[in-house]
C-alpha atoms as a PDB file:
ATOM      1  CA  MET A   1     139.409 131.996 174.297  1.00  0.00           C
ATOM      2  CA  ILE A   2     142.986 132.448 173.066  1.00  0.00           C
ATOM      3  CA  SER A   3     144.015 130.098 170.151  1.00  0.00           C
ATOM      4  CA  GLN A   4     146.851 127.782 170.702  1.00  0.00           C
ATOM      5  CA  THR A   5     148.940 129.634 168.101  1.00  0.00           C
ATOM      6  CA  ARG A   6     148.491 132.948 169.716  1.00  0.00           C
ATOM      7  CA  MET A   7     149.422 131.347 173.027  1.00  0.00           C
ATOM      8  CA  ILE A   8     152.643 129.989 171.621  1.00  0.00           C
ATOM      9  CA  SER A   9     153.417 133.173 169.856  1.00  0.00           C
ATOM     10  CA  ALA A  10     152.993 135.236 173.052  1.00  0.00           C
ATOM     11  CA  THR A  11     155.128 132.785 174.999  1.00  0.00           C
ATOM     12  CA  LEU A  12     157.866 132.969 172.565  1.00  0.00           C
ATOM     13  CA  PHE A  13     157.693 136.723 172.563  1.00  0.00           C
ATOM     14  CA  VAL A  14     157.977 136.941 176.252  1.00  0.00           C
ATOM     15  CA  ALA A  15     160.888 134.519 176.266  1.00  0.00           C
ATOM     16  CA  LEU A  16     162.820 136.637 173.649  1.00  0.00           C
ATOM     17  CA  LEU A  17     162.048 139.686 175.519  1.00  0.00           C
ATOM     18  CA  MET A  18     163.455 138.211 178.831  1.00  0.00           C
ATOM     19  CA  ILE A  19     166.602 137.042 176.927  1.00  0.00           C
ATOM     20  CA  SER A  20     167.141 140.423 175.582  1.00  0.00           C
ATOM     21  CA  VAL A  21     166.670 142.042 178.950  1.00  0.00           C
ATOM     22  CA  SER A  22     169.088 139.653 180.731  1.00  0.00           C
ATOM     23  CA  VAL A  23     171.761 140.265 178.022  1.00  0.00           C
ATOM     24  CA  LEU A  24     171.335 144.083 178.487  1.00  0.00           C
ATOM     25  CA  ALA A  25     171.428 143.726 182.214  1.00  0.00           C
ATOM     26  CA  MET A  26     174.935 142.171 182.178  1.00  0.00           C
ATOM     27  CA  ASP A  27     177.642 144.414 183.327  1.00  0.00           C
ATOM     28  CA  PRO A  28     180.577 143.698 181.005  1.00  0.00           C
ATOM     29  CA  ALA A  29     183.410 144.731 183.433  1.00  0.00           C
ATOM     30  CA  THR A  30     181.815 142.313 186.158  1.00  0.00           C
ATOM     31  CA  LEU A  31     181.351 139.558 183.638  1.00  0.00           C
ATOM     32  CA  TYR A  32     185.033 140.019 182.514  1.00  0.00           C
ATOM     33  CA  HIS A  33     186.000 139.384 186.136  1.00  0.00           C
ATOM     34  CA  GLU A  34     183.466 136.539 186.772  1.00  0.00           C
ATOM     35  CA  ARG A  35     184.467 134.596 183.785  1.00  0.00           C
ATOM     36  CA  THR A  36     188.249 135.032 184.780  1.00  0.00           C
ATOM     37  CA  CYS A  37     189.331 136.905 181.643  1.00  0.00           C
ATOM     38  CA  ILE A  38     191.174 139.283 183.989  1.00  0.00           C
ATOM     39  CA  ALA A  39     193.505 136.302 185.133  1.00  0.00           C
ATOM     40  CA  CYS A  40     195.211 136.122 181.787  1.00  0.00           C
ATOM     41  CA  HIS A  41     194.365 139.328 179.983  1.00  0.00           C
ATOM     42  CA  GLY A  42     194.837 141.761 182.844  1.00  0.00           C
ATOM     43  CA  ALA A  43     192.619 144.610 183.837  1.00  0.00           C
ATOM     44  CA  GLU A  44     190.262 145.693 181.103  1.00  0.00           C
ATOM     45  CA  GLY A  45     192.222 143.492 178.673  1.00  0.00           C
ATOM     46  CA  LYS A  46     195.243 145.888 178.632  1.00  0.00           C
ATOM     47  CA  GLN A  47     197.919 144.018 180.513  1.00  0.00           C
ATOM     48  CA  PRO A  48     198.286 140.410 179.658  1.00  0.00           C
ATOM     49  CA  VAL A  49     200.075 138.319 182.267  1.00  0.00           C
ATOM     50  CA  MET A  50     202.264 136.781 179.573  1.00  0.00           C
ATOM     51  CA  GLU A  51     203.661 138.399 176.586  1.00  0.00           C
ATOM     52  CA  GLU A  52     202.132 135.747 174.296  1.00  0.00           C
ATOM     53  CA  TYR A  53     198.650 136.579 175.274  1.00  0.00           C
ATOM     54  CA  PRO A  54     196.909 139.149 173.467  1.00  0.00           C
ATOM     55  CA  LYS A  55     195.717 142.607 174.530  1.00  0.00           C
ATOM     56  CA  LEU A  56     191.951 142.632 174.109  1.00  0.00           C
ATOM     57  CA  ALA A  57     191.159 146.334 174.592  1.00  0.00           C
ATOM     58  CA  GLY A  58     190.541 148.096 171.462  1.00  0.00           C
ATOM     59  CA  GLN A  59     190.373 145.065 169.181  1.00  0.00           C
ATOM     60  CA  ALA A  60     187.576 145.054 166.599  1.00  0.00           C
ATOM     61  CA  GLU A  61     184.307 143.656 168.023  1.00  0.00           C
ATOM     62  CA  ALA A  62     183.937 141.230 165.069  1.00  0.00           C
ATOM     63  CA  TYR A  63     187.495 139.820 165.553  1.00  0.00           C
ATOM     64  CA  LEU A  64     186.968 139.311 169.236  1.00  0.00           C
ATOM     65  CA  LEU A  65     183.563 137.713 168.689  1.00  0.00           C
ATOM     66  CA  THR A  66     184.946 135.323 166.071  1.00  0.00           C
ATOM     67  CA  GLN A  67     188.030 134.310 168.113  1.00  0.00           C
ATOM     68  CA  MET A  68     186.077 133.612 171.398  1.00  0.00           C
ATOM     69  CA  LYS A  69     183.505 131.631 169.339  1.00  0.00           C
ATOM     70  CA  ASP A  70     186.146 129.645 167.519  1.00  0.00           C
ATOM     71  CA  ILE A  71     187.960 128.776 170.714  1.00  0.00           C
ATOM     72  CA  LYS A  72     184.780 127.656 172.441  1.00  0.00           C
ATOM     73  CA  ASN A  73     183.757 125.604 169.437  1.00  0.00           C
ATOM     74  CA  GLY A  74     187.175 124.018 169.074  1.00  0.00           C
ATOM     75  CA  TYR A  75     187.958 125.555 165.773  1.00  0.00           C
ATOM     76  CA  ARG A  76     190.989 127.350 167.096  1.00  0.00           C
ATOM     77  CA  THR A  77     193.502 125.144 168.874  1.00  0.00           C
ATOM     78  CA  ASN A  78     196.839 126.735 169.031  1.00  0.00           C
ATOM     79  CA  ALA A  79     198.947 126.424 172.214  1.00  0.00           C
ATOM     80  CA  HIS A  80     197.254 129.218 174.110  1.00  0.00           C
ATOM     81  CA  SER A  81     193.800 128.596 173.117  1.00  0.00           C
ATOM     82  CA  VAL A  82     193.631 125.248 174.468  1.00  0.00           C
ATOM     83  CA  ALA A  83     193.865 126.794 178.035  1.00  0.00           C
ATOM     84  CA  MET A  84     191.110 129.169 177.133  1.00  0.00           C
ATOM     85  CA  GLN A  85     188.903 126.341 175.994  1.00  0.00           C
ATOM     86  CA  ASN A  86     188.624 125.360 179.593  1.00  0.00           C
ATOM     87  CA  VAL A  87     187.051 128.743 180.415  1.00  0.00           C
ATOM     88  CA  MET A  88     185.020 129.285 177.250  1.00  0.00           C
ATOM     89  CA  HIS A  89     182.712 126.477 177.850  1.00  0.00           C
ATOM     90  CA  LEU A  90     181.367 128.505 180.764  1.00  0.00           C
ATOM     91  CA  VAL A  91     180.622 131.660 178.744  1.00  0.00           C
ATOM     92  CA  SER A  92     177.312 131.872 176.772  1.00  0.00           C
ATOM     93  CA  ASP A  93     177.127 133.207 173.293  1.00  0.00           C
ATOM     94  CA  GLU A  94     175.281 136.250 174.708  1.00  0.00           C
ATOM     95  CA  GLU A  95     178.080 136.786 177.117  1.00  0.00           C
ATOM     96  CA  ILE A  96     180.603 136.557 174.470  1.00  0.00           C
ATOM     97  CA  ALA A  97     178.785 139.224 172.405  1.00  0.00           C
ATOM     98  CA  VAL A  98     178.670 141.489 175.487  1.00  0.00           C
ATOM     99  CA  LEU A  99     182.438 141.009 176.147  1.00  0.00           C
ATOM    100  CA  ALA A 100     183.384 141.564 172.628  1.00  0.00           C
ATOM    101  CA  LYS A 101     181.377 144.850 172.395  1.00  0.00           C
ATOM    102  CA  TRP A 102     182.824 145.989 175.736  1.00  0.00           C
ATOM    103  CA  LEU A 103     186.403 145.238 175.065  1.00  0.00           C
ATOM    104  CA  SER A 104     186.239 146.658 171.526  1.00  0.00           C
ATOM    105  CA  SER A 105     185.047 149.968 173.105  1.00  0.00           C
ATOM    106  CA  LEU A 106     187.929 150.263 175.458  1.00  0.00           C
ATOM    107  CA  PRO A 107     191.006 152.354 174.536  1.00  0.00           C
ATOM    108  CA  GLU A 108     194.159 150.442 173.775  1.00  0.00           C
END
């Protein structure tokens, strides 16, 4: 008979594995469109619709990750980030990581 500790450990391991697989399975380009990033930042983060919006392609991954998390958590509240807060609550931390990695890998 499996002990309760072993059962819990096995369950946690499977849950972590499933989370990792789901993050790896995310297509960043599709995610970028589904989370409406394209609406303001343009195709592949290269052509923002307003001059004031940043180009995202080619930015440092750590910078993108920090900015998205700060906006999502309400730490960054300048004029344009307020509009982005309305979207960021729909984006999970795992999705933020996938988007930051993908955007940083794109040429400027």
